[in-house]
């Protein structure tokens, strides 16, 4: 933690690893990157009051309500046979993660076909937390579109989850559309294809490819809940790593914000900020990093450094 007032940096040890992190509305920081089977959190309000790193953190296993009774019970381990009288622990870890408005915390699980997992803390998360898993539709006869391998993700203000797929899609998952039970022995991944909507990314595909929508590679996405870009609230925005731009889904169509300079624009992280809520389009913006690991191979060569790119959309071309 860096304190800009004192200019001091404090190292805080945790019992779990950190990757992509996000705050919820209560200033709790939620983790990703595991270790496998674990979701961890750090309560910054508790830390501010106590400076006790043990008191401020916690973690829980990912446990499916496999017996379907609505509460967490004794569970089988991932290497044990399923038991219809017990719950079931998942050996997964989050890659992307995002708290949702209802208090749950969603994350992506990489792999084939990959999945979204919903983590519900309950009253005392280490003992009460339950999880739900929703795999990306793959070889699923009930699904109208197939996809695979999610990576980055975010949640909009209505609780709809948005992720990017290695199959060349921007995808949404709306849990409220599920028709099958969300707990019990059948709720183990491919039970809600109707919750998924897949939007093909623009641009060409690989020659002969039949299992993907586009050759473009989107690493992460960000939901603009507060219209900081200027194209609407709750607009999901993905980073088009091979198309050198941002891909925003506006009114059901993907709009490309191409970045012609610097050549080699390659973004991984996206976020926004409102500096002046009364400042119109000038008072808010989306920011992205040019995040190639080898900036010296970009335009400019040796000595070239990473950059921050600011995006603002005017209401019309003459707006000042």
C-alpha atoms as a PDB file:
ATOM      1  CA  UNK A   1       0.000   0.000   0.000  1.00  0.00           C
ATOM      2  CA  UNK A   2       1.326   3.442  -0.961  1.00  0.00           C
ATOM      3  CA  UNK A   3       0.249   6.469   1.080  1.00  0.00           C
ATOM      4  CA  UNK A   4       0.602   9.639  -1.045  1.00  0.00           C
ATOM      5  CA  UNK A   5       0.483  11.855   2.070  1.00  0.00           C
ATOM      6  CA  UNK A   6       3.419  10.256   3.849  1.00  0.00           C
ATOM      7  CA  UNK A   7       4.996   8.849   0.669  1.00  0.00           C
ATOM      8  CA  UNK A   8       5.504   5.578   2.495  1.00  0.00           C
ATOM      9  CA  UNK A   9       5.013   2.095   1.082  1.00  0.00           C
ATOM     10  CA  UNK A  10       3.754  -0.681   3.374  1.00  0.00           C
ATOM     11  CA  UNK A  11       4.041  -4.361   2.479  1.00  0.00           C
ATOM     12  CA  UNK A  12       1.098  -6.483   3.621  1.00  0.00           C
ATOM     13  CA  UNK A  13       1.447 -10.272   3.744  1.00  0.00           C
ATOM     14  CA  UNK A  14      -1.550 -12.397   2.758  1.00  0.00           C
ATOM     15  CA  UNK A  15      -2.287 -16.120   2.887  1.00  0.00           C
ATOM     16  CA  UNK A  16      -3.172 -16.136  -0.825  1.00  0.00           C
ATOM     17  CA  UNK A  17      -1.812 -14.706  -4.063  1.00  0.00           C
ATOM     18  CA  UNK A  18      -2.925 -11.611  -5.933  1.00  0.00           C
ATOM     19  CA  UNK A  19      -3.367 -10.812  -9.610  1.00  0.00           C
ATOM     20  CA  UNK A  20      -6.256  -8.768 -10.920  1.00  0.00           C
ATOM     21  CA  UNK A  21      -7.952  -7.104  -7.961  1.00  0.00           C
ATOM     22  CA  UNK A  22     -11.115  -5.068  -7.520  1.00  0.00           C
ATOM     23  CA  UNK A  23     -12.817  -3.193  -4.699  1.00  0.00           C
ATOM     24  CA  UNK A  24     -16.454  -3.786  -3.799  1.00  0.00           C
ATOM     25  CA  UNK A  25     -18.773  -1.040  -2.522  1.00  0.00           C
ATOM     26  CA  UNK A  26     -17.580  -1.646   1.062  1.00  0.00           C
ATOM     27  CA  UNK A  27     -13.882  -1.077   0.279  1.00  0.00           C
ATOM     28  CA  UNK A  28     -13.064  -4.780   0.453  1.00  0.00           C
ATOM     29  CA  UNK A  29     -10.403  -5.815  -2.045  1.00  0.00           C
ATOM     30  CA  UNK A  30     -11.070  -9.159  -3.776  1.00  0.00           C
ATOM     31  CA  UNK A  31      -8.305 -11.281  -5.243  1.00  0.00           C
ATOM     32  CA  UNK A  32      -7.579 -13.553  -8.155  1.00  0.00           C
ATOM     33  CA  UNK A  33      -4.772 -15.976  -9.094  1.00  0.00           C
ATOM     34  CA  UNK A  34      -5.450 -18.433  -6.298  1.00  0.00           C
ATOM     35  CA  UNK A  35      -3.888 -20.615  -5.073  1.00  0.00           C
ATOM     36  CA  UNK A  36      -6.156 -23.224  -6.652  1.00  0.00           C
ATOM     37  CA  UNK A  37      -9.421 -23.633  -4.795  1.00  0.00           C
ATOM     38  CA  UNK A  38      -9.216 -20.373  -2.821  1.00  0.00           C
ATOM     39  CA  UNK A  39     -10.784 -16.922  -3.019  1.00  0.00           C
ATOM     40  CA  UNK A  40      -9.263 -14.287  -0.744  1.00  0.00           C
ATOM     41  CA  UNK A  41     -10.153 -10.763   0.330  1.00  0.00           C
ATOM     42  CA  UNK A  42      -8.663  -7.847   2.244  1.00  0.00           C
ATOM     43  CA  UNK A  43     -10.863  -5.378   4.145  1.00  0.00           C
ATOM     44  CA  UNK A  44      -9.151  -1.991   3.845  1.00  0.00           C
ATOM     45  CA  UNK A  45     -11.457  -0.385   6.428  1.00  0.00           C
ATOM     46  CA  UNK A  46     -10.369  -2.943   9.019  1.00  0.00           C
ATOM     47  CA  UNK A  47      -6.754  -2.325   8.042  1.00  0.00           C
ATOM     48  CA  UNK A  48      -7.129   1.455   8.343  1.00  0.00           C
ATOM     49  CA  UNK A  49      -8.472   1.102  11.879  1.00  0.00           C
ATOM     50  CA  UNK A  50      -6.237  -1.666  13.179  1.00  0.00           C
ATOM     51  CA  UNK A  51      -3.216  -2.036  10.895  1.00  0.00           C
ATOM     52  CA  UNK A  52      -3.595  -5.737  11.662  1.00  0.00           C
ATOM     53  CA  UNK A  53      -3.021  -7.644   8.429  1.00  0.00           C
ATOM     54  CA  UNK A  54      -4.310 -10.908   9.910  1.00  0.00           C
ATOM     55  CA  UNK A  55      -7.545  -9.334  11.112  1.00  0.00           C
ATOM     56  CA  UNK A  56      -8.157  -7.563   7.795  1.00  0.00           C
ATOM     57  CA  UNK A  57      -7.912 -10.612   5.519  1.00  0.00           C
ATOM     58  CA  UNK A  58      -9.831 -13.800   4.940  1.00  0.00           C
ATOM     59  CA  UNK A  59     -10.231 -16.625   2.453  1.00  0.00           C
ATOM     60  CA  UNK A  60     -12.599 -19.428   1.581  1.00  0.00           C
ATOM     61  CA  UNK A  61     -12.792 -22.546  -0.534  1.00  0.00           C
ATOM     62  CA  UNK A  62     -15.041 -22.611  -3.621  1.00  0.00           C
ATOM     63  CA  UNK A  63     -17.868 -24.958  -2.604  1.00  0.00           C
ATOM     64  CA  UNK A  64     -20.841 -25.942  -4.776  1.00  0.00           C
ATOM     65  CA  UNK A  65     -24.195 -26.536  -3.085  1.00  0.00           C
ATOM     66  CA  UNK A  66     -24.126 -30.030  -4.556  1.00  0.00           C
ATOM     67  CA  UNK A  67     -26.776 -31.509  -2.252  1.00  0.00           C
ATOM     68  CA  UNK A  68     -29.041 -28.540  -3.037  1.00  0.00           C
ATOM     69  CA  UNK A  69     -30.190 -27.700   0.482  1.00  0.00           C
ATOM     70  CA  UNK A  70     -29.257 -24.014   0.262  1.00  0.00           C
ATOM     71  CA  UNK A  71     -26.442 -23.993   2.801  1.00  0.00           C
ATOM     72  CA  UNK A  72     -22.820 -25.028   3.061  1.00  0.00           C
ATOM     73  CA  UNK A  73     -22.195 -28.471   4.502  1.00  0.00           C
ATOM     74  CA  UNK A  74     -19.382 -30.985   4.628  1.00  0.00           C
ATOM     75  CA  UNK A  75     -18.007 -31.371   1.108  1.00  0.00           C
ATOM     76  CA  UNK A  76     -16.128 -33.828  -1.042  1.00  0.00           C
ATOM     77  CA  UNK A  77     -12.663 -32.899  -2.274  1.00  0.00           C
ATOM     78  CA  UNK A  78     -11.982 -32.566  -6.020  1.00  0.00           C
ATOM     79  CA  UNK A  79     -10.218 -35.963  -6.122  1.00  0.00           C
ATOM     80  CA  UNK A  80     -13.066 -37.761  -4.337  1.00  0.00           C
ATOM     81  CA  UNK A  81     -16.253 -39.279  -5.802  1.00  0.00           C
ATOM     82  CA  UNK A  82     -19.322 -37.050  -5.700  1.00  0.00           C
ATOM     83  CA  UNK A  83     -21.658 -37.669  -2.767  1.00  0.00           C
ATOM     84  CA  UNK A  84     -25.321 -36.587  -3.187  1.00  0.00           C
ATOM     85  CA  UNK A  85     -25.546 -35.962   0.577  1.00  0.00           C
ATOM     86  CA  UNK A  86     -22.591 -33.562   0.638  1.00  0.00           C
ATOM     87  CA  UNK A  87     -21.437 -30.424  -1.114  1.00  0.00           C
ATOM     88  CA  UNK A  88     -18.554 -30.373  -3.589  1.00  0.00           C
ATOM     89  CA  UNK A  89     -15.347 -28.316  -3.515  1.00  0.00           C
ATOM     90  CA  UNK A  90     -13.983 -26.912  -6.776  1.00  0.00           C
ATOM     91  CA  UNK A  91     -10.262 -26.805  -7.489  1.00  0.00           C
ATOM     92  CA  UNK A  92     -10.394 -23.613  -9.524  1.00  0.00           C
ATOM     93  CA  UNK A  93      -8.918 -20.139  -9.298  1.00  0.00           C
ATOM     94  CA  UNK A  94     -10.033 -16.772 -10.600  1.00  0.00           C
ATOM     95  CA  UNK A  95      -8.199 -15.018 -13.407  1.00  0.00           C
ATOM     96  CA  UNK A  96     -10.424 -11.990 -13.840  1.00  0.00           C
ATOM     97  CA  UNK A  97     -12.615 -10.987 -10.922  1.00  0.00           C
ATOM     98  CA  UNK A  98     -15.294  -8.404 -10.176  1.00  0.00           C
ATOM     99  CA  UNK A  99     -17.737  -7.796  -7.308  1.00  0.00           C
ATOM    100  CA  UNK A 100     -21.384  -7.520  -8.355  1.00  0.00           C
ATOM    101  CA  UNK A 101     -24.106  -5.153  -7.061  1.00  0.00           C
ATOM    102  CA  UNK A 102     -25.806  -7.986  -5.118  1.00  0.00           C
ATOM    103  CA  UNK A 103     -22.711  -8.677  -2.989  1.00  0.00           C
ATOM    104  CA  UNK A 104     -21.492 -11.703  -4.919  1.00  0.00           C
ATOM    105  CA  UNK A 105     -18.041 -11.826  -6.497  1.00  0.00           C
ATOM    106  CA  UNK A 106     -17.650 -13.202 -10.037  1.00  0.00           C
ATOM    107  CA  UNK A 107     -14.511 -14.506 -11.677  1.00  0.00           C
ATOM    108  CA  UNK A 108     -13.310 -16.214 -14.828  1.00  0.00           C
ATOM    109  CA  UNK A 109     -11.786 -19.677 -14.896  1.00  0.00           C
ATOM    110  CA  UNK A 110      -9.368 -20.233 -17.740  1.00  0.00           C
ATOM    111  CA  UNK A 111      -9.133 -23.417 -19.766  1.00  0.00           C
ATOM    112  CA  UNK A 112     -11.283 -25.332 -22.210  1.00  0.00           C
ATOM    113  CA  UNK A 113     -14.110 -24.451 -22.336  1.00  0.00           C
ATOM    114  CA  UNK A 114     -13.544 -22.280 -19.255  1.00  0.00           C
ATOM    115  CA  UNK A 115     -16.203 -20.877 -16.979  1.00  0.00           C
ATOM    116  CA  UNK A 116     -17.594 -18.074 -14.881  1.00  0.00           C
ATOM    117  CA  UNK A 117     -17.897 -18.697 -11.139  1.00  0.00           C
ATOM    118  CA  UNK A 118     -20.151 -16.805  -8.750  1.00  0.00           C
ATOM    119  CA  UNK A 119     -18.902 -16.623  -5.166  1.00  0.00           C
ATOM    120  CA  UNK A 120     -21.485 -15.699  -2.502  1.00  0.00           C
ATOM    121  CA  UNK A 121     -19.805 -14.917   0.852  1.00  0.00           C
ATOM    122  CA  UNK A 122     -22.767 -15.357   3.178  1.00  0.00           C
ATOM    123  CA  UNK A 123     -22.756 -14.201   6.814  1.00  0.00           C
ATOM    124  CA  UNK A 124     -19.271 -15.501   7.628  1.00  0.00           C
ATOM    125  CA  UNK A 125     -17.531 -16.320   4.375  1.00  0.00           C
ATOM    126  CA  UNK A 126     -14.882 -18.829   5.558  1.00  0.00           C
ATOM    127  CA  UNK A 127     -17.702 -21.126   6.756  1.00  0.00           C
ATOM    128  CA  UNK A 128     -20.764 -19.987   4.781  1.00  0.00           C
ATOM    129  CA  UNK A 129     -19.566 -19.068   1.256  1.00  0.00           C
ATOM    130  CA  UNK A 130     -21.071 -20.982  -1.641  1.00  0.00           C
ATOM    131  CA  UNK A 131     -20.160 -20.985  -5.325  1.00  0.00           C
ATOM    132  CA  UNK A 132     -21.936 -21.511  -8.641  1.00  0.00           C
ATOM    133  CA  UNK A 133     -20.181 -22.441 -11.886  1.00  0.00           C
ATOM    134  CA  UNK A 134     -21.309 -21.659 -15.447  1.00  0.00           C
ATOM    135  CA  UNK A 135     -19.181 -23.037 -18.255  1.00  0.00           C
ATOM    136  CA  UNK A 136     -18.973 -21.338 -21.625  1.00  0.00           C
ATOM    137  CA  UNK A 137     -21.246 -23.310 -24.004  1.00  0.00           C
ATOM    138  CA  UNK A 138     -19.107 -25.842 -25.855  1.00  0.00           C
ATOM    139  CA  UNK A 139     -20.268 -28.978 -27.670  1.00  0.00           C
ATOM    140  CA  UNK A 140     -23.620 -28.189 -26.098  1.00  0.00           C
ATOM    141  CA  UNK A 141     -26.577 -29.101 -28.306  1.00  0.00           C
ATOM    142  CA  UNK A 142     -28.824 -26.750 -26.318  1.00  0.00           C
ATOM    143  CA  UNK A 143     -26.637 -23.717 -27.074  1.00  0.00           C
ATOM    144  CA  UNK A 144     -27.198 -21.641 -30.204  1.00  0.00           C
ATOM    145  CA  UNK A 145     -23.577 -20.420 -30.225  1.00  0.00           C
ATOM    146  CA  UNK A 146     -20.396 -22.094 -29.021  1.00  0.00           C
ATOM    147  CA  UNK A 147     -17.333 -20.434 -27.499  1.00  0.00           C
ATOM    148  CA  UNK A 148     -14.378 -21.098 -25.253  1.00  0.00           C
ATOM    149  CA  UNK A 149     -11.657 -19.826 -22.935  1.00  0.00           C
ATOM    150  CA  UNK A 150     -12.593 -16.610 -21.070  1.00  0.00           C
ATOM    151  CA  UNK A 151      -9.973 -14.276 -19.662  1.00  0.00           C
ATOM    152  CA  UNK A 152     -10.776 -10.744 -18.442  1.00  0.00           C
ATOM    153  CA  UNK A 153     -14.231  -9.866 -17.109  1.00  0.00           C
ATOM    154  CA  UNK A 154     -16.406  -7.242 -15.441  1.00  0.00           C
ATOM    155  CA  UNK A 155     -19.976  -6.899 -14.121  1.00  0.00           C
ATOM    156  CA  UNK A 156     -22.484  -4.200 -15.077  1.00  0.00           C
ATOM    157  CA  UNK A 157     -24.896  -2.358 -12.787  1.00  0.00           C
ATOM    158  CA  UNK A 158     -27.659  -4.924 -13.452  1.00  0.00           C
ATOM    159  CA  UNK A 159     -25.495  -7.872 -12.434  1.00  0.00           C
ATOM    160  CA  UNK A 160     -24.831  -9.090 -15.988  1.00  0.00           C
ATOM    161  CA  UNK A 161     -21.310 -10.472 -16.389  1.00  0.00           C
ATOM    162  CA  UNK A 162     -19.205  -9.527 -19.428  1.00  0.00           C
ATOM    163  CA  UNK A 163     -16.117 -11.413 -20.520  1.00  0.00           C
ATOM    164  CA  UNK A 164     -13.885 -11.850 -23.561  1.00  0.00           C
ATOM    165  CA  UNK A 165     -13.351 -15.280 -25.105  1.00  0.00           C
ATOM    166  CA  UNK A 166     -10.383 -16.737 -26.956  1.00  0.00           C
ATOM    167  CA  UNK A 167     -12.905 -17.868 -29.574  1.00  0.00           C
ATOM    168  CA  UNK A 168     -13.033 -14.261 -30.785  1.00  0.00           C
ATOM    169  CA  UNK A 169     -16.141 -13.164 -28.890  1.00  0.00           C
ATOM    170  CA  UNK A 170     -17.287 -10.561 -26.426  1.00  0.00           C
ATOM    171  CA  UNK A 171     -19.713 -12.501 -24.242  1.00  0.00           C
ATOM    172  CA  UNK A 172     -22.355 -11.710 -21.643  1.00  0.00           C
ATOM    173  CA  UNK A 173     -23.866 -13.993 -19.028  1.00  0.00           C
ATOM    174  CA  UNK A 174     -27.201 -13.153 -17.442  1.00  0.00           C
ATOM    175  CA  UNK A 175     -27.913 -15.486 -14.523  1.00  0.00           C
ATOM    176  CA  UNK A 176     -31.564 -14.373 -14.393  1.00  0.00           C
ATOM    177  CA  UNK A 177     -32.193 -16.140 -17.736  1.00  0.00           C
ATOM    178  CA  UNK A 178     -31.303 -19.587 -16.394  1.00  0.00           C
ATOM    179  CA  UNK A 179     -34.130 -22.119 -16.600  1.00  0.00           C
ATOM    180  CA  UNK A 180     -32.493 -25.050 -14.815  1.00  0.00           C
ATOM    181  CA  UNK A 181     -31.858 -25.222 -11.051  1.00  0.00           C
ATOM    182  CA  UNK A 182     -28.790 -23.237  -9.986  1.00  0.00           C
ATOM    183  CA  UNK A 183     -27.851 -25.690  -7.235  1.00  0.00           C
ATOM    184  CA  UNK A 184     -27.840 -29.441  -6.872  1.00  0.00           C
ATOM    185  CA  UNK A 185     -26.060 -32.290  -8.679  1.00  0.00           C
ATOM    186  CA  UNK A 186     -27.013 -31.069 -12.178  1.00  0.00           C
ATOM    187  CA  UNK A 187     -25.695 -27.515 -11.702  1.00  0.00           C
ATOM    188  CA  UNK A 188     -22.088 -28.314 -12.548  1.00  0.00           C
ATOM    189  CA  UNK A 189     -21.325 -26.135 -15.584  1.00  0.00           C
ATOM    190  CA  UNK A 190     -23.254 -26.645 -18.819  1.00  0.00           C
ATOM    191  CA  UNK A 191     -26.700 -26.241 -17.248  1.00  0.00           C
ATOM    192  CA  UNK A 192     -27.439 -22.658 -18.376  1.00  0.00           C
ATOM    193  CA  UNK A 193     -26.550 -22.099 -22.047  1.00  0.00           C
ATOM    194  CA  UNK A 194     -29.528 -19.731 -22.309  1.00  0.00           C
ATOM    195  CA  UNK A 195     -27.748 -17.279 -20.011  1.00  0.00           C
ATOM    196  CA  UNK A 196     -24.976 -16.683 -22.546  1.00  0.00           C
ATOM    197  CA  UNK A 197     -24.943 -14.228 -25.444  1.00  0.00           C
ATOM    198  CA  UNK A 198     -21.886 -14.145 -27.704  1.00  0.00           C
ATOM    199  CA  UNK A 199     -20.949 -11.185 -29.913  1.00  0.00           C
ATOM    200  CA  UNK A 200     -18.342 -11.896 -32.627  1.00  0.00           C
ATOM    201  CA  UNK A 201     -15.443  -9.473 -32.605  1.00  0.00           C
ATOM    202  CA  UNK A 202     -14.982  -7.602 -35.894  1.00  0.00           C
ATOM    203  CA  UNK A 203     -12.249  -8.387 -38.374  1.00  0.00           C
ATOM    204  CA  UNK A 204     -11.109 -11.463 -40.310  1.00  0.00           C
ATOM    205  CA  UNK A 205     -10.760 -14.965 -38.954  1.00  0.00           C
ATOM    206  CA  UNK A 206      -7.934 -17.419 -39.473  1.00  0.00           C
ATOM    207  CA  UNK A 207      -8.048 -19.296 -42.764  1.00  0.00           C
ATOM    208  CA  UNK A 208     -10.091 -22.470 -42.368  1.00  0.00           C
ATOM    209  CA  UNK A 209     -11.112 -21.705 -38.794  1.00  0.00           C
ATOM    210  CA  UNK A 210     -14.593 -22.997 -37.979  1.00  0.00           C
ATOM    211  CA  UNK A 211     -14.568 -22.995 -34.167  1.00  0.00           C
ATOM    212  CA  UNK A 212     -13.932 -19.287 -33.605  1.00  0.00           C
ATOM    213  CA  UNK A 213     -15.517 -16.000 -34.640  1.00  0.00           C
ATOM    214  CA  UNK A 214     -12.525 -13.729 -35.214  1.00  0.00           C
ATOM    215  CA  UNK A 215      -8.753 -13.778 -35.199  1.00  0.00           C
ATOM    216  CA  UNK A 216      -8.702 -10.722 -32.955  1.00  0.00           C
ATOM    217  CA  UNK A 217      -7.404 -11.312 -29.438  1.00  0.00           C
ATOM    218  CA  UNK A 218      -9.116  -9.518 -26.557  1.00  0.00           C
ATOM    219  CA  UNK A 219      -7.295  -9.845 -23.260  1.00  0.00           C
ATOM    220  CA  UNK A 220      -9.514  -7.923 -20.860  1.00  0.00           C
ATOM    221  CA  UNK A 221     -12.745  -5.932 -20.804  1.00  0.00           C
ATOM    222  CA  UNK A 222     -14.259  -3.161 -18.708  1.00  0.00           C
ATOM    223  CA  UNK A 223     -17.905  -2.163 -18.174  1.00  0.00           C
ATOM    224  CA  UNK A 224     -18.402   1.600 -18.322  1.00  0.00           C
ATOM    225  CA  UNK A 225     -21.135   1.771 -15.695  1.00  0.00           C
ATOM    226  CA  UNK A 226     -21.037   5.565 -15.419  1.00  0.00           C
ATOM    227  CA  UNK A 227     -20.704   6.623 -19.089  1.00  0.00           C
ATOM    228  CA  UNK A 228     -17.142   7.832 -18.628  1.00  0.00           C
ATOM    229  CA  UNK A 229     -16.310   7.183 -22.281  1.00  0.00           C
ATOM    230  CA  UNK A 230     -19.323   9.091 -23.543  1.00  0.00           C
ATOM    231  CA  UNK A 231     -21.226   6.398 -25.468  1.00  0.00           C
ATOM    232  CA  UNK A 232     -23.681   5.293 -22.762  1.00  0.00           C
ATOM    233  CA  UNK A 233     -23.966   3.676 -19.349  1.00  0.00           C
ATOM    234  CA  UNK A 234     -23.144  -0.011 -18.828  1.00  0.00           C
ATOM    235  CA  UNK A 235     -21.315  -0.220 -22.170  1.00  0.00           C
ATOM    236  CA  UNK A 236     -18.770  -3.084 -22.171  1.00  0.00           C
ATOM    237  CA  UNK A 237     -15.402  -2.197 -23.695  1.00  0.00           C
ATOM    238  CA  UNK A 238     -12.819  -4.796 -24.715  1.00  0.00           C
ATOM    239  CA  UNK A 239      -9.195  -4.268 -25.654  1.00  0.00           C
ATOM    240  CA  UNK A 240      -8.571  -5.428 -29.226  1.00  0.00           C
ATOM    241  CA  UNK A 241      -4.958  -6.491 -28.969  1.00  0.00           C
ATOM    242  CA  UNK A 242      -4.569  -7.493 -32.615  1.00  0.00           C
ATOM    243  CA  UNK A 243      -6.778  -4.724 -34.025  1.00  0.00           C
ATOM    244  CA  UNK A 244      -4.967  -2.020 -32.039  1.00  0.00           C
ATOM    245  CA  UNK A 245      -8.033  -0.383 -30.566  1.00  0.00           C
ATOM    246  CA  UNK A 246     -10.935  -0.583 -28.149  1.00  0.00           C
ATOM    247  CA  UNK A 247     -14.083  -2.532 -29.005  1.00  0.00           C
ATOM    248  CA  UNK A 248     -17.243  -1.133 -27.394  1.00  0.00           C
ATOM    249  CA  UNK A 249     -20.669  -2.773 -27.636  1.00  0.00           C
ATOM    250  CA  UNK A 250     -23.048   0.141 -28.234  1.00  0.00           C
ATOM    251  CA  UNK A 251     -26.753  -0.623 -28.822  1.00  0.00           C
ATOM    252  CA  UNK A 252     -25.965  -4.188 -29.821  1.00  0.00           C
ATOM    253  CA  UNK A 253     -23.207  -3.310 -32.313  1.00  0.00           C
ATOM    254  CA  UNK A 254     -19.466  -3.258 -31.778  1.00  0.00           C
ATOM    255  CA  UNK A 255     -17.843   0.129 -32.362  1.00  0.00           C
ATOM    256  CA  UNK A 256     -14.080   0.173 -32.910  1.00  0.00           C
ATOM    257  CA  UNK A 257     -11.991   2.986 -31.447  1.00  0.00           C
ATOM    258  CA  UNK A 258      -8.816   2.617 -33.475  1.00  0.00           C
ATOM    259  CA  UNK A 259      -5.545   3.940 -32.092  1.00  0.00           C
ATOM    260  CA  UNK A 260      -3.312   4.818 -35.075  1.00  0.00           C
ATOM    261  CA  UNK A 261      -0.482   6.118 -32.932  1.00  0.00           C
ATOM    262  CA  UNK A 262       1.667   4.908 -31.322  1.00  0.00           C
ATOM    263  CA  UNK A 263       1.896   1.993 -33.735  1.00  0.00           C
ATOM    264  CA  UNK A 264       1.686  -1.207 -31.754  1.00  0.00           C
ATOM    265  CA  UNK A 265      -1.047  -0.042 -29.365  1.00  0.00           C
ATOM    266  CA  UNK A 266      -1.570  -3.085 -27.152  1.00  0.00           C
ATOM    267  CA  UNK A 267      -3.740  -2.578 -24.098  1.00  0.00           C
ATOM    268  CA  UNK A 268      -4.350  -4.927 -21.208  1.00  0.00           C
ATOM    269  CA  UNK A 269      -5.910  -2.819 -18.457  1.00  0.00           C
ATOM    270  CA  UNK A 270      -8.847  -0.407 -18.755  1.00  0.00           C
ATOM    271  CA  UNK A 271     -10.449   1.892 -16.211  1.00  0.00           C
ATOM    272  CA  UNK A 272     -12.230   5.225 -16.013  1.00  0.00           C
ATOM    273  CA  UNK A 273     -12.426   8.333 -13.901  1.00  0.00           C
ATOM    274  CA  UNK A 274     -14.830  11.243 -13.439  1.00  0.00           C
ATOM    275  CA  UNK A 275     -12.847  14.347 -12.483  1.00  0.00           C
ATOM    276  CA  UNK A 276     -15.752  16.786 -12.768  1.00  0.00           C
ATOM    277  CA  UNK A 277     -19.324  15.424 -12.780  1.00  0.00           C
ATOM    278  CA  UNK A 278     -20.541  18.786 -14.084  1.00  0.00           C
ATOM    279  CA  UNK A 279     -17.856  19.112 -16.736  1.00  0.00           C
ATOM    280  CA  UNK A 280     -19.635  17.308 -19.567  1.00  0.00           C
ATOM    281  CA  UNK A 281     -17.489  15.177 -21.855  1.00  0.00           C
ATOM    282  CA  UNK A 282     -14.334  16.991 -20.730  1.00  0.00           C
ATOM    283  CA  UNK A 283     -14.851  16.004 -17.090  1.00  0.00           C
ATOM    284  CA  UNK A 284     -14.609  12.246 -17.588  1.00  0.00           C
ATOM    285  CA  UNK A 285     -12.553   9.716 -19.527  1.00  0.00           C
ATOM    286  CA  UNK A 286     -11.513   6.122 -20.039  1.00  0.00           C
ATOM    287  CA  UNK A 287      -7.807   5.358 -19.586  1.00  0.00           C
ATOM    288  CA  UNK A 288      -5.850   2.435 -21.009  1.00  0.00           C
ATOM    289  CA  UNK A 289      -2.219   1.448 -20.856  1.00  0.00           C
ATOM    290  CA  UNK A 290      -0.017   0.585 -23.831  1.00  0.00           C
ATOM    291  CA  UNK A 291       1.194  -2.545 -22.126  1.00  0.00           C
ATOM    292  CA  UNK A 292       3.397  -4.566 -24.417  1.00  0.00           C
ATOM    293  CA  UNK A 293       6.120  -6.314 -22.447  1.00  0.00           C
ATOM    294  CA  UNK A 294       8.688  -5.188 -24.993  1.00  0.00           C
ATOM    295  CA  UNK A 295       8.037  -1.474 -25.684  1.00  0.00           C
ATOM    296  CA  UNK A 296      11.456  -1.163 -27.322  1.00  0.00           C
ATOM    297  CA  UNK A 297      10.086  -3.229 -30.218  1.00  0.00           C
ATOM    298  CA  UNK A 298       7.334  -0.655 -30.811  1.00  0.00           C
ATOM    299  CA  UNK A 299       7.562   2.431 -32.957  1.00  0.00           C
ATOM    300  CA  UNK A 300      10.381   4.541 -31.543  1.00  0.00           C
ATOM    301  CA  UNK A 301      12.651   1.622 -30.785  1.00  0.00           C
ATOM    302  CA  UNK A 302      15.201   1.606 -27.983  1.00  0.00           C
ATOM    303  CA  UNK A 303      14.261   3.816 -25.062  1.00  0.00           C
ATOM    304  CA  UNK A 304      10.538   3.716 -25.843  1.00  0.00           C
ATOM    305  CA  UNK A 305       8.449   3.420 -22.672  1.00  0.00           C
ATOM    306  CA  UNK A 306       4.878   2.322 -21.855  1.00  0.00           C
ATOM    307  CA  UNK A 307       2.187   4.963 -22.283  1.00  0.00           C
ATOM    308  CA  UNK A 308      -1.236   5.878 -20.969  1.00  0.00           C
ATOM    309  CA  UNK A 309      -3.954   6.617 -23.546  1.00  0.00           C
ATOM    310  CA  UNK A 310      -6.977   8.778 -22.660  1.00  0.00           C
ATOM    311  CA  UNK A 311     -10.302   8.307 -24.478  1.00  0.00           C
ATOM    312  CA  UNK A 312     -13.112  10.884 -24.540  1.00  0.00           C
ATOM    313  CA  UNK A 313     -16.077  10.980 -26.924  1.00  0.00           C
ATOM    314  CA  UNK A 314     -17.672  14.334 -27.719  1.00  0.00           C
ATOM    315  CA  UNK A 315     -21.478  14.502 -28.107  1.00  0.00           C
ATOM    316  CA  UNK A 316     -20.840  15.839 -31.612  1.00  0.00           C
ATOM    317  CA  UNK A 317     -17.781  16.795 -33.615  1.00  0.00           C
ATOM    318  CA  UNK A 318     -18.159  20.530 -32.855  1.00  0.00           C
ATOM    319  CA  UNK A 319     -18.514  20.194 -29.089  1.00  0.00           C
ATOM    320  CA  UNK A 320     -16.006  22.264 -27.165  1.00  0.00           C
END
